């Protein structure tokens, strides 16, 4: 009997646009009634990156993918599946994965969008793991990419949400581990509860409306921008992320003491601090990037992995936990031997 196939991450990479927008810039450039102190106190964010005119979601994805391919030592022609997590697509349709595939220059390769917002990368990672385990796919490109800056209410009216988000992309190359190799994706757990879908959402445009998907009134009423019940999101995130990480630890027979590093989704530094405190994890075992990049939704975890590797915080043999919570509500975790 042949041994079961285990998938692993061969390399990661990320890209953010060069333009840095500080908290002070939100005041000076956009006229938002806020302050650096206010934003940092509530979110931990010092700055974020915004794209310039003409740069799209798929453009960011391509640059992140190139870096992941280089890190993995894999040629783009070896990729046989693309999974693309985003909520800020280039166009309404077709999916951004198709625009990305064309720009990367690998026609014919299956390309799929996954729209699970902040948990999108973990949903894609779970799918990549399953596809590799079938034995039918050898090199899967998993992307998380967002251009939030074009879809935010960058005024005082929208400041509670606008200050949180930035633009960026992260990527990972997933494939089968060699026989006997200890490194690999050990477990992925996913959940959702649509009863809370309207607690963090963009209401319009949408096919729920008749006879048109969007009206001038919707624009005037800011219903085309993200809306969030911050308290509800905070409470559920702080509860669900430790809970689902515990599921992965239990499934693999591991304990929190075995965990070398936690790379959580970067929605709010205060959420991550509460999660770490609830788990009893020291600061040295939690890797945060939100201070520099803000919330890049589906891109936060691959950006975090890339930064952790570059800084020497994530090394071969380490046990790393990934955990995310976001709109939907959706949440998930992954446990990886790096």
C-alpha atoms as a PDB file:
ATOM      1  CA  UNK A   1       0.000   0.000   0.000  1.00  0.00           C
ATOM      2  CA  UNK A   2       1.361   3.414  -0.987  1.00  0.00           C
ATOM      3  CA  UNK A   3       1.867   6.020   1.710  1.00  0.00           C
ATOM      4  CA  UNK A   4      -0.616   8.910   1.838  1.00  0.00           C
ATOM      5  CA  UNK A   5       0.572  12.087   0.177  1.00  0.00           C
ATOM      6  CA  UNK A   6       1.246  15.062   2.414  1.00  0.00           C
ATOM      7  CA  UNK A   7       1.294  18.591   1.007  1.00  0.00           C
ATOM      8  CA  UNK A   8       3.784  21.270   1.976  1.00  0.00           C
ATOM      9  CA  UNK A   9       4.525  24.920   1.276  1.00  0.00           C
ATOM     10  CA  UNK A  10       7.626  25.186  -0.894  1.00  0.00           C
ATOM     11  CA  UNK A  11       7.951  28.954  -0.805  1.00  0.00           C
ATOM     12  CA  UNK A  12       6.169  32.192   0.042  1.00  0.00           C
ATOM     13  CA  UNK A  13       6.403  35.762  -1.170  1.00  0.00           C
ATOM     14  CA  UNK A  14       4.588  39.075  -0.959  1.00  0.00           C
ATOM     15  CA  UNK A  15       4.309  42.451  -2.617  1.00  0.00           C
ATOM     16  CA  UNK A  16       2.871  45.760  -1.463  1.00  0.00           C
ATOM     17  CA  UNK A  17       2.612  48.919  -3.574  1.00  0.00           C
ATOM     18  CA  UNK A  18       5.373  51.467  -2.897  1.00  0.00           C
ATOM     19  CA  UNK A  19       3.106  54.292  -1.712  1.00  0.00           C
ATOM     20  CA  UNK A  20       2.999  54.435   2.088  1.00  0.00           C
ATOM     21  CA  UNK A  21       0.022  56.123   3.751  1.00  0.00           C
ATOM     22  CA  UNK A  22       0.578  56.981   7.399  1.00  0.00           C
ATOM     23  CA  UNK A  23      -2.100  57.844   9.913  1.00  0.00           C
ATOM     24  CA  UNK A  24      -1.034  61.471   9.561  1.00  0.00           C
ATOM     25  CA  UNK A  25      -1.552  61.185   5.800  1.00  0.00           C
ATOM     26  CA  UNK A  26      -5.160  60.132   6.382  1.00  0.00           C
ATOM     27  CA  UNK A  27      -5.647  63.501   8.046  1.00  0.00           C
ATOM     28  CA  UNK A  28      -3.563  65.683   5.733  1.00  0.00           C
ATOM     29  CA  UNK A  29      -4.317  64.064   2.378  1.00  0.00           C
ATOM     30  CA  UNK A  30      -7.865  62.808   2.841  1.00  0.00           C
ATOM     31  CA  UNK A  31      -9.151  65.190   5.504  1.00  0.00           C
ATOM     32  CA  UNK A  32     -10.285  62.433   7.866  1.00  0.00           C
ATOM     33  CA  UNK A  33     -10.974  63.702  11.369  1.00  0.00           C
ATOM     34  CA  UNK A  34      -8.654  61.359  13.246  1.00  0.00           C
ATOM     35  CA  UNK A  35      -5.108  61.249  14.630  1.00  0.00           C
ATOM     36  CA  UNK A  36      -2.140  58.919  14.766  1.00  0.00           C
ATOM     37  CA  UNK A  37      -2.747  58.421  18.480  1.00  0.00           C
ATOM     38  CA  UNK A  38      -6.433  57.547  17.941  1.00  0.00           C
ATOM     39  CA  UNK A  39      -5.711  54.983  15.228  1.00  0.00           C
ATOM     40  CA  UNK A  40      -2.775  53.342  16.999  1.00  0.00           C
ATOM     41  CA  UNK A  41      -4.583  53.135  20.318  1.00  0.00           C
ATOM     42  CA  UNK A  42      -7.574  51.334  18.805  1.00  0.00           C
ATOM     43  CA  UNK A  43      -5.923  49.237  16.095  1.00  0.00           C
ATOM     44  CA  UNK A  44      -2.136  49.215  16.455  1.00  0.00           C
ATOM     45  CA  UNK A  45      -1.797  50.440  12.852  1.00  0.00           C
ATOM     46  CA  UNK A  46       0.880  53.033  12.058  1.00  0.00           C
ATOM     47  CA  UNK A  47       0.734  52.942   8.258  1.00  0.00           C
ATOM     48  CA  UNK A  48      -0.569  51.024   5.264  1.00  0.00           C
ATOM     49  CA  UNK A  49       0.166  50.867   1.513  1.00  0.00           C
ATOM     50  CA  UNK A  50      -2.152  52.153  -1.223  1.00  0.00           C
ATOM     51  CA  UNK A  51      -1.870  51.483  -4.952  1.00  0.00           C
ATOM     52  CA  UNK A  52      -1.428  54.289  -7.438  1.00  0.00           C
ATOM     53  CA  UNK A  53      -3.807  54.760 -10.374  1.00  0.00           C
ATOM     54  CA  UNK A  54      -3.552  51.974 -12.901  1.00  0.00           C
ATOM     55  CA  UNK A  55      -2.370  49.251 -10.513  1.00  0.00           C
ATOM     56  CA  UNK A  56      -4.860  46.410 -10.090  1.00  0.00           C
ATOM     57  CA  UNK A  57      -5.390  43.538  -7.701  1.00  0.00           C
ATOM     58  CA  UNK A  58      -3.994  41.028 -10.195  1.00  0.00           C
ATOM     59  CA  UNK A  59      -0.894  43.215 -10.702  1.00  0.00           C
ATOM     60  CA  UNK A  60      -0.096  42.863  -7.008  1.00  0.00           C
ATOM     61  CA  UNK A  61      -0.816  39.142  -7.170  1.00  0.00           C
ATOM     62  CA  UNK A  62       1.610  38.624 -10.035  1.00  0.00           C
ATOM     63  CA  UNK A  63       4.475  40.305  -8.173  1.00  0.00           C
ATOM     64  CA  UNK A  64       3.797  38.271  -5.010  1.00  0.00           C
ATOM     65  CA  UNK A  65       3.592  35.076  -7.066  1.00  0.00           C
ATOM     66  CA  UNK A  66       6.943  35.742  -8.759  1.00  0.00           C
ATOM     67  CA  UNK A  67       8.603  36.078  -5.366  1.00  0.00           C
ATOM     68  CA  UNK A  68       6.953  32.917  -4.061  1.00  0.00           C
ATOM     69  CA  UNK A  69       8.025  30.996  -7.170  1.00  0.00           C
ATOM     70  CA  UNK A  70      11.601  32.230  -6.736  1.00  0.00           C
ATOM     71  CA  UNK A  71      11.607  31.240  -3.066  1.00  0.00           C
ATOM     72  CA  UNK A  72      10.257  27.788  -3.953  1.00  0.00           C
ATOM     73  CA  UNK A  73      12.657  27.281  -6.853  1.00  0.00           C
ATOM     74  CA  UNK A  74       9.666  26.553  -9.100  1.00  0.00           C
ATOM     75  CA  UNK A  75       9.144  27.780 -12.661  1.00  0.00           C
ATOM     76  CA  UNK A  76       5.785  29.288 -13.532  1.00  0.00           C
ATOM     77  CA  UNK A  77       5.350  26.610 -16.230  1.00  0.00           C
ATOM     78  CA  UNK A  78       5.297  23.990 -13.458  1.00  0.00           C
ATOM     79  CA  UNK A  79       2.156  25.463 -11.874  1.00  0.00           C
ATOM     80  CA  UNK A  80      -0.884  23.296 -12.565  1.00  0.00           C
ATOM     81  CA  UNK A  81      -3.581  25.051 -10.491  1.00  0.00           C
ATOM     82  CA  UNK A  82      -4.248  28.618  -9.321  1.00  0.00           C
ATOM     83  CA  UNK A  83      -6.352  29.433  -6.240  1.00  0.00           C
ATOM     84  CA  UNK A  84      -6.942  33.155  -5.795  1.00  0.00           C
ATOM     85  CA  UNK A  85      -8.440  34.611  -2.617  1.00  0.00           C
ATOM     86  CA  UNK A  86      -9.804  38.150  -2.865  1.00  0.00           C
ATOM     87  CA  UNK A  87     -12.832  40.320  -2.141  1.00  0.00           C
ATOM     88  CA  UNK A  88     -11.597  43.282  -4.207  1.00  0.00           C
ATOM     89  CA  UNK A  89     -11.693  41.777  -7.669  1.00  0.00           C
ATOM     90  CA  UNK A  90     -10.342  43.548 -10.768  1.00  0.00           C
ATOM     91  CA  UNK A  91     -13.799  43.411 -12.381  1.00  0.00           C
ATOM     92  CA  UNK A  92     -17.237  42.062 -11.490  1.00  0.00           C
ATOM     93  CA  UNK A  93     -16.500  39.061 -13.704  1.00  0.00           C
ATOM     94  CA  UNK A  94     -14.643  37.018 -14.778  1.00  0.00           C
ATOM     95  CA  UNK A  95     -12.701  36.135 -11.663  1.00  0.00           C
ATOM     96  CA  UNK A  96      -9.448  37.909 -10.881  1.00  0.00           C
ATOM     97  CA  UNK A  97      -7.659  34.558 -11.056  1.00  0.00           C
ATOM     98  CA  UNK A  98      -8.134  34.622 -14.827  1.00  0.00           C
ATOM     99  CA  UNK A  99      -6.665  38.111 -15.206  1.00  0.00           C
ATOM    100  CA  UNK A 100      -3.811  37.038 -12.946  1.00  0.00           C
ATOM    101  CA  UNK A 101      -3.186  33.879 -14.977  1.00  0.00           C
ATOM    102  CA  UNK A 102      -2.951  35.849 -18.222  1.00  0.00           C
ATOM    103  CA  UNK A 103      -0.510  38.371 -16.724  1.00  0.00           C
ATOM    104  CA  UNK A 104       1.667  35.621 -15.251  1.00  0.00           C
ATOM    105  CA  UNK A 105       1.684  33.970 -18.666  1.00  0.00           C
ATOM    106  CA  UNK A 106       0.487  30.432 -18.007  1.00  0.00           C
ATOM    107  CA  UNK A 107      -2.630  29.940 -20.188  1.00  0.00           C
ATOM    108  CA  UNK A 108      -4.562  26.711 -19.842  1.00  0.00           C
ATOM    109  CA  UNK A 109      -3.932  26.300 -16.118  1.00  0.00           C
ATOM    110  CA  UNK A 110      -7.175  26.099 -14.096  1.00  0.00           C
ATOM    111  CA  UNK A 111      -7.769  29.312 -12.159  1.00  0.00           C
ATOM    112  CA  UNK A 112     -10.333  29.786  -9.389  1.00  0.00           C
ATOM    113  CA  UNK A 113     -11.420  32.726  -7.246  1.00  0.00           C
ATOM    114  CA  UNK A 114     -12.297  32.119  -3.600  1.00  0.00           C
ATOM    115  CA  UNK A 115     -14.329  34.820  -1.858  1.00  0.00           C
ATOM    116  CA  UNK A 116     -14.046  34.158   1.856  1.00  0.00           C
ATOM    117  CA  UNK A 117     -12.572  37.516   2.763  1.00  0.00           C
ATOM    118  CA  UNK A 118     -10.189  37.424   5.737  1.00  0.00           C
ATOM    119  CA  UNK A 119     -10.237  33.622   5.864  1.00  0.00           C
ATOM    120  CA  UNK A 120      -9.791  33.309   2.096  1.00  0.00           C
ATOM    121  CA  UNK A 121      -6.154  32.259   2.175  1.00  0.00           C
ATOM    122  CA  UNK A 122      -6.892  29.446   4.632  1.00  0.00           C
ATOM    123  CA  UNK A 123      -9.835  28.253   2.532  1.00  0.00           C
ATOM    124  CA  UNK A 124      -7.504  28.191  -0.499  1.00  0.00           C
ATOM    125  CA  UNK A 125      -4.805  26.427   1.490  1.00  0.00           C
ATOM    126  CA  UNK A 126      -7.287  23.746   2.499  1.00  0.00           C
ATOM    127  CA  UNK A 127      -8.292  23.258  -1.137  1.00  0.00           C
ATOM    128  CA  UNK A 128      -4.657  23.141  -2.269  1.00  0.00           C
ATOM    129  CA  UNK A 129      -3.900  20.540   0.393  1.00  0.00           C
ATOM    130  CA  UNK A 130      -6.825  18.387  -0.771  1.00  0.00           C
ATOM    131  CA  UNK A 131      -5.889  18.731  -4.455  1.00  0.00           C
ATOM    132  CA  UNK A 132      -2.295  17.700  -3.799  1.00  0.00           C
ATOM    133  CA  UNK A 133      -3.401  14.728  -1.705  1.00  0.00           C
ATOM    134  CA  UNK A 134      -5.391  13.377  -4.655  1.00  0.00           C
ATOM    135  CA  UNK A 135      -2.115  12.991  -6.528  1.00  0.00           C
ATOM    136  CA  UNK A 136      -3.488  14.889  -9.530  1.00  0.00           C
ATOM    137  CA  UNK A 137      -1.678  18.195  -8.896  1.00  0.00           C
ATOM    138  CA  UNK A 138       1.980  18.822  -8.149  1.00  0.00           C
ATOM    139  CA  UNK A 139       2.403  22.571  -7.894  1.00  0.00           C
ATOM    140  CA  UNK A 140      -0.436  24.845  -6.805  1.00  0.00           C
ATOM    141  CA  UNK A 141      -0.159  28.611  -6.581  1.00  0.00           C
ATOM    142  CA  UNK A 142      -2.191  30.063  -3.708  1.00  0.00           C
ATOM    143  CA  UNK A 143      -2.699  33.841  -3.780  1.00  0.00           C
ATOM    144  CA  UNK A 144      -4.255  36.298  -1.358  1.00  0.00           C
ATOM    145  CA  UNK A 145      -4.502  39.795  -2.817  1.00  0.00           C
ATOM    146  CA  UNK A 146      -6.456  42.956  -2.073  1.00  0.00           C
ATOM    147  CA  UNK A 147      -6.835  46.519  -3.315  1.00  0.00           C
ATOM    148  CA  UNK A 148      -8.967  48.062  -0.585  1.00  0.00           C
ATOM    149  CA  UNK A 149      -8.041  51.689  -1.160  1.00  0.00           C
ATOM    150  CA  UNK A 150     -10.365  52.005  -4.181  1.00  0.00           C
ATOM    151  CA  UNK A 151     -13.352  50.795  -2.179  1.00  0.00           C
ATOM    152  CA  UNK A 152     -13.124  52.688   1.095  1.00  0.00           C
ATOM    153  CA  UNK A 153     -15.050  55.721   2.285  1.00  0.00           C
ATOM    154  CA  UNK A 154     -11.945  57.815   2.871  1.00  0.00           C
ATOM    155  CA  UNK A 155     -13.810  60.552   4.721  1.00  0.00           C
ATOM    156  CA  UNK A 156     -14.599  61.214   8.355  1.00  0.00           C
ATOM    157  CA  UNK A 157     -17.932  59.444   7.804  1.00  0.00           C
ATOM    158  CA  UNK A 158     -16.144  56.186   7.038  1.00  0.00           C
ATOM    159  CA  UNK A 159     -13.123  56.505   9.306  1.00  0.00           C
ATOM    160  CA  UNK A 160     -13.923  53.604  11.673  1.00  0.00           C
ATOM    161  CA  UNK A 161     -13.430  51.194   8.780  1.00  0.00           C
ATOM    162  CA  UNK A 162     -11.216  53.216   6.433  1.00  0.00           C
ATOM    163  CA  UNK A 163      -8.295  53.443   8.862  1.00  0.00           C
ATOM    164  CA  UNK A 164      -8.056  49.657   9.066  1.00  0.00           C
ATOM    165  CA  UNK A 165      -7.304  48.567   5.519  1.00  0.00           C
ATOM    166  CA  UNK A 166      -4.369  48.540   3.138  1.00  0.00           C
ATOM    167  CA  UNK A 167      -3.404  47.062  -0.219  1.00  0.00           C
ATOM    168  CA  UNK A 168      -1.091  44.104  -0.759  1.00  0.00           C
ATOM    169  CA  UNK A 169      -0.691  40.525  -1.924  1.00  0.00           C
ATOM    170  CA  UNK A 170       0.904  37.343  -0.650  1.00  0.00           C
ATOM    171  CA  UNK A 171       1.468  33.987  -2.304  1.00  0.00           C
ATOM    172  CA  UNK A 172       2.500  30.425  -1.537  1.00  0.00           C
ATOM    173  CA  UNK A 173       3.541  27.481  -3.702  1.00  0.00           C
ATOM    174  CA  UNK A 174       2.031  24.214  -2.458  1.00  0.00           C
ATOM    175  CA  UNK A 175       2.970  20.725  -3.590  1.00  0.00           C
ATOM    176  CA  UNK A 176       3.627  17.179  -2.362  1.00  0.00           C
ATOM    177  CA  UNK A 177       6.259  16.590   0.307  1.00  0.00           C
ATOM    178  CA  UNK A 178       8.895  13.945  -0.334  1.00  0.00           C
ATOM    179  CA  UNK A 179       8.480  10.490   1.194  1.00  0.00           C
ATOM    180  CA  UNK A 180       9.637  10.542   4.801  1.00  0.00           C
ATOM    181  CA  UNK A 181       9.781  14.329   4.933  1.00  0.00           C
ATOM    182  CA  UNK A 182       8.520  15.733   8.226  1.00  0.00           C
ATOM    183  CA  UNK A 183       7.607  19.186   6.959  1.00  0.00           C
ATOM    184  CA  UNK A 184       4.144  19.776   5.571  1.00  0.00           C
ATOM    185  CA  UNK A 185       0.577  20.906   6.172  1.00  0.00           C
ATOM    186  CA  UNK A 186      -0.578  18.850   9.138  1.00  0.00           C
ATOM    187  CA  UNK A 187      -4.142  20.080   9.464  1.00  0.00           C
ATOM    188  CA  UNK A 188      -6.606  22.728   8.268  1.00  0.00           C
ATOM    189  CA  UNK A 189      -9.940  23.475   9.957  1.00  0.00           C
ATOM    190  CA  UNK A 190     -12.615  25.733   8.445  1.00  0.00           C
ATOM    191  CA  UNK A 191     -15.923  27.144   9.722  1.00  0.00           C
ATOM    192  CA  UNK A 192     -18.616  29.657   8.796  1.00  0.00           C
ATOM    193  CA  UNK A 193     -21.799  31.097  10.294  1.00  0.00           C
ATOM    194  CA  UNK A 194     -23.881  33.108   7.841  1.00  0.00           C
ATOM    195  CA  UNK A 195     -26.206  34.323  10.595  1.00  0.00           C
ATOM    196  CA  UNK A 196     -23.678  37.109  11.109  1.00  0.00           C
ATOM    197  CA  UNK A 197     -23.148  37.961   7.435  1.00  0.00           C
ATOM    198  CA  UNK A 198     -24.480  41.508   7.793  1.00  0.00           C
ATOM    199  CA  UNK A 199     -22.262  42.366  10.753  1.00  0.00           C
ATOM    200  CA  UNK A 200     -19.351  42.948   8.352  1.00  0.00           C
ATOM    201  CA  UNK A 201     -20.320  43.468   4.733  1.00  0.00           C
ATOM    202  CA  UNK A 202     -20.788  45.701   1.704  1.00  0.00           C
ATOM    203  CA  UNK A 203     -24.498  45.879   0.988  1.00  0.00           C
ATOM    204  CA  UNK A 204     -24.473  46.998  -2.651  1.00  0.00           C
ATOM    205  CA  UNK A 205     -24.250  46.607  -5.547  1.00  0.00           C
ATOM    206  CA  UNK A 206     -25.985  43.259  -5.623  1.00  0.00           C
ATOM    207  CA  UNK A 207     -28.603  41.157  -7.340  1.00  0.00           C
ATOM    208  CA  UNK A 208     -30.755  41.367  -4.208  1.00  0.00           C
ATOM    209  CA  UNK A 209     -31.959  44.730  -5.467  1.00  0.00           C
ATOM    210  CA  UNK A 210     -34.605  45.258  -8.126  1.00  0.00           C
ATOM    211  CA  UNK A 211     -34.751  46.534 -10.777  1.00  0.00           C
ATOM    212  CA  UNK A 212     -31.157  47.793 -10.642  1.00  0.00           C
ATOM    213  CA  UNK A 213     -28.188  46.449  -8.688  1.00  0.00           C
ATOM    214  CA  UNK A 214     -27.204  49.916  -7.489  1.00  0.00           C
ATOM    215  CA  UNK A 215     -28.790  53.353  -7.303  1.00  0.00           C
ATOM    216  CA  UNK A 216     -27.545  56.882  -6.709  1.00  0.00           C
ATOM    217  CA  UNK A 217     -29.286  56.758  -3.333  1.00  0.00           C
ATOM    218  CA  UNK A 218     -27.154  53.779  -2.319  1.00  0.00           C
ATOM    219  CA  UNK A 219     -24.027  55.712  -3.208  1.00  0.00           C
ATOM    220  CA  UNK A 220     -25.191  58.803  -1.334  1.00  0.00           C
ATOM    221  CA  UNK A 221     -26.029  56.700   1.735  1.00  0.00           C
ATOM    222  CA  UNK A 222     -22.561  55.045   1.696  1.00  0.00           C
ATOM    223  CA  UNK A 223     -24.090  51.597   1.218  1.00  0.00           C
ATOM    224  CA  UNK A 224     -21.398  50.805  -1.358  1.00  0.00           C
ATOM    225  CA  UNK A 225     -18.694  50.912   1.354  1.00  0.00           C
ATOM    226  CA  UNK A 226     -17.768  48.363   4.036  1.00  0.00           C
ATOM    227  CA  UNK A 227     -19.894  48.481   7.171  1.00  0.00           C
ATOM    228  CA  UNK A 228     -18.920  46.765  10.392  1.00  0.00           C
ATOM    229  CA  UNK A 229     -20.330  46.103  13.831  1.00  0.00           C
ATOM    230  CA  UNK A 230     -16.934  46.390  15.491  1.00  0.00           C
ATOM    231  CA  UNK A 231     -17.929  45.113  18.934  1.00  0.00           C
ATOM    232  CA  UNK A 232     -19.577  41.987  17.555  1.00  0.00           C
ATOM    233  CA  UNK A 233     -16.616  41.245  15.291  1.00  0.00           C
ATOM    234  CA  UNK A 234     -14.177  41.699  18.171  1.00  0.00           C
ATOM    235  CA  UNK A 235     -16.073  39.402  20.526  1.00  0.00           C
ATOM    236  CA  UNK A 236     -16.457  36.618  17.979  1.00  0.00           C
ATOM    237  CA  UNK A 237     -12.872  36.880  16.690  1.00  0.00           C
ATOM    238  CA  UNK A 238     -11.390  36.641  20.172  1.00  0.00           C
ATOM    239  CA  UNK A 239     -13.531  33.578  20.831  1.00  0.00           C
ATOM    240  CA  UNK A 240     -13.312  31.750  17.510  1.00  0.00           C
ATOM    241  CA  UNK A 241      -9.607  32.027  16.703  1.00  0.00           C
ATOM    242  CA  UNK A 242      -8.333  30.280  19.863  1.00  0.00           C
ATOM    243  CA  UNK A 243     -11.162  27.775  19.548  1.00  0.00           C
ATOM    244  CA  UNK A 244     -10.310  26.715  15.992  1.00  0.00           C
ATOM    245  CA  UNK A 245      -6.567  26.647  16.681  1.00  0.00           C
ATOM    246  CA  UNK A 246      -7.374  24.239  19.507  1.00  0.00           C
ATOM    247  CA  UNK A 247      -9.166  22.017  16.995  1.00  0.00           C
ATOM    248  CA  UNK A 248      -6.052  21.767  14.824  1.00  0.00           C
ATOM    249  CA  UNK A 249      -3.828  21.102  17.808  1.00  0.00           C
ATOM    250  CA  UNK A 250      -6.141  18.365  19.039  1.00  0.00           C
ATOM    251  CA  UNK A 251      -6.430  16.794  15.582  1.00  0.00           C
ATOM    252  CA  UNK A 252      -2.643  16.512  15.322  1.00  0.00           C
ATOM    253  CA  UNK A 253      -1.935  15.529  18.900  1.00  0.00           C
ATOM    254  CA  UNK A 254      -0.050  18.761  19.540  1.00  0.00           C
ATOM    255  CA  UNK A 255      -0.240  21.246  22.385  1.00  0.00           C
ATOM    256  CA  UNK A 256       0.268  24.990  22.655  1.00  0.00           C
ATOM    257  CA  UNK A 257       3.668  24.244  24.148  1.00  0.00           C
ATOM    258  CA  UNK A 258       4.644  22.553  20.868  1.00  0.00           C
ATOM    259  CA  UNK A 259       3.798  25.675  18.864  1.00  0.00           C
ATOM    260  CA  UNK A 260       6.854  27.685  17.824  1.00  0.00           C
ATOM    261  CA  UNK A 261       5.047  30.569  16.119  1.00  0.00           C
ATOM    262  CA  UNK A 262       1.506  31.836  15.566  1.00  0.00           C
ATOM    263  CA  UNK A 263       0.813  33.895  12.427  1.00  0.00           C
ATOM    264  CA  UNK A 264      -2.710  35.260  12.841  1.00  0.00           C
ATOM    265  CA  UNK A 265      -4.845  37.266  10.446  1.00  0.00           C
ATOM    266  CA  UNK A 266      -4.132  40.971  10.858  1.00  0.00           C
ATOM    267  CA  UNK A 267      -7.476  42.672  11.444  1.00  0.00           C
ATOM    268  CA  UNK A 268      -6.689  44.585  14.600  1.00  0.00           C
ATOM    269  CA  UNK A 269      -3.649  44.346  16.879  1.00  0.00           C
ATOM    270  CA  UNK A 270      -5.940  44.477  19.909  1.00  0.00           C
ATOM    271  CA  UNK A 271      -7.741  41.335  18.702  1.00  0.00           C
ATOM    272  CA  UNK A 272      -4.455  39.496  18.267  1.00  0.00           C
ATOM    273  CA  UNK A 273      -3.248  40.618  21.687  1.00  0.00           C
ATOM    274  CA  UNK A 274      -6.477  39.329  23.255  1.00  0.00           C
ATOM    275  CA  UNK A 275      -6.165  36.024  21.374  1.00  0.00           C
ATOM    276  CA  UNK A 276      -2.566  35.573  22.521  1.00  0.00           C
ATOM    277  CA  UNK A 277      -3.495  36.428  26.102  1.00  0.00           C
ATOM    278  CA  UNK A 278      -6.392  33.975  26.031  1.00  0.00           C
ATOM    279  CA  UNK A 279      -4.133  31.225  24.746  1.00  0.00           C
ATOM    280  CA  UNK A 280      -1.352  32.082  27.160  1.00  0.00           C
ATOM    281  CA  UNK A 281       1.132  32.611  24.316  1.00  0.00           C
ATOM    282  CA  UNK A 282       4.073  34.968  24.937  1.00  0.00           C
ATOM    283  CA  UNK A 283       4.592  37.908  22.595  1.00  0.00           C
ATOM    284  CA  UNK A 284       7.692  36.202  21.180  1.00  0.00           C
ATOM    285  CA  UNK A 285       5.520  33.450  19.685  1.00  0.00           C
ATOM    286  CA  UNK A 286       3.032  35.735  17.895  1.00  0.00           C
ATOM    287  CA  UNK A 287       3.978  37.410  14.609  1.00  0.00           C
ATOM    288  CA  UNK A 288       2.162  40.632  13.720  1.00  0.00           C
ATOM    289  CA  UNK A 289       2.491  42.832  10.646  1.00  0.00           C
ATOM    290  CA  UNK A 290      -0.568  45.053  10.989  1.00  0.00           C
ATOM    291  CA  UNK A 291       1.500  47.972  12.299  1.00  0.00           C
ATOM    292  CA  UNK A 292       3.104  48.390   8.847  1.00  0.00           C
ATOM    293  CA  UNK A 293       0.517  47.047   6.421  1.00  0.00           C
ATOM    294  CA  UNK A 294      -2.903  47.411   8.032  1.00  0.00           C
ATOM    295  CA  UNK A 295      -5.532  44.793   7.259  1.00  0.00           C
ATOM    296  CA  UNK A 296      -4.906  43.360   3.790  1.00  0.00           C
ATOM    297  CA  UNK A 297      -7.648  40.749   4.286  1.00  0.00           C
ATOM    298  CA  UNK A 298      -6.827  37.599   2.276  1.00  0.00           C
ATOM    299  CA  UNK A 299      -3.189  38.691   1.968  1.00  0.00           C
ATOM    300  CA  UNK A 300      -2.372  39.102   5.670  1.00  0.00           C
ATOM    301  CA  UNK A 301      -1.331  35.514   6.404  1.00  0.00           C
ATOM    302  CA  UNK A 302       0.955  34.962   3.376  1.00  0.00           C
ATOM    303  CA  UNK A 303       2.462  38.420   3.964  1.00  0.00           C
ATOM    304  CA  UNK A 304       3.038  37.411   7.585  1.00  0.00           C
ATOM    305  CA  UNK A 305       4.649  34.110   6.617  1.00  0.00           C
ATOM    306  CA  UNK A 306       6.921  35.863   4.122  1.00  0.00           C
ATOM    307  CA  UNK A 307       7.990  38.480   6.642  1.00  0.00           C
ATOM    308  CA  UNK A 308       8.542  35.865   9.362  1.00  0.00           C
ATOM    309  CA  UNK A 309      10.831  33.876   7.062  1.00  0.00           C
ATOM    310  CA  UNK A 310      12.733  36.997   5.992  1.00  0.00           C
ATOM    311  CA  UNK A 311      13.259  38.072   9.605  1.00  0.00           C
ATOM    312  CA  UNK A 312      14.400  34.628  10.715  1.00  0.00           C
ATOM    313  CA  UNK A 313      11.388  34.190  12.973  1.00  0.00           C
ATOM    314  CA  UNK A 314      10.183  31.162  10.967  1.00  0.00           C
ATOM    315  CA  UNK A 315      12.748  28.456  10.238  1.00  0.00           C
ATOM    316  CA  UNK A 316      12.649  24.896   8.867  1.00  0.00           C
ATOM    317  CA  UNK A 317      11.384  22.395  11.404  1.00  0.00           C
ATOM    318  CA  UNK A 318       9.291  24.894  13.340  1.00  0.00           C
ATOM    319  CA  UNK A 319       5.633  24.230  14.087  1.00  0.00           C
ATOM    320  CA  UNK A 320       3.616  27.250  12.911  1.00  0.00           C
ATOM    321  CA  UNK A 321      -0.063  27.919  13.485  1.00  0.00           C
ATOM    322  CA  UNK A 322      -2.195  30.049  11.166  1.00  0.00           C
ATOM    323  CA  UNK A 323      -5.542  31.402  12.279  1.00  0.00           C
ATOM    324  CA  UNK A 324      -8.071  33.820  10.799  1.00  0.00           C
ATOM    325  CA  UNK A 325     -11.511  35.265  11.384  1.00  0.00           C
ATOM    326  CA  UNK A 326     -13.546  37.541   9.168  1.00  0.00           C
ATOM    327  CA  UNK A 327     -16.635  38.479   7.235  1.00  0.00           C
ATOM    328  CA  UNK A 328     -19.236  35.822   6.696  1.00  0.00           C
ATOM    329  CA  UNK A 329     -18.584  35.112   9.557  1.00  0.00           C
ATOM    330  CA  UNK A 330     -15.829  32.713   8.505  1.00  0.00           C
ATOM    331  CA  UNK A 331     -12.910  31.401  10.508  1.00  0.00           C
ATOM    332  CA  UNK A 332     -10.225  28.769  10.251  1.00  0.00           C
ATOM    333  CA  UNK A 333      -6.832  27.493  11.272  1.00  0.00           C
ATOM    334  CA  UNK A 334      -3.908  25.563   9.890  1.00  0.00           C
ATOM    335  CA  UNK A 335      -1.012  23.771  11.532  1.00  0.00           C
ATOM    336  CA  UNK A 336       2.179  23.433   9.498  1.00  0.00           C
ATOM    337  CA  UNK A 337       5.562  21.855  10.113  1.00  0.00           C
ATOM    338  CA  UNK A 338       7.737  24.358   8.254  1.00  0.00           C
END
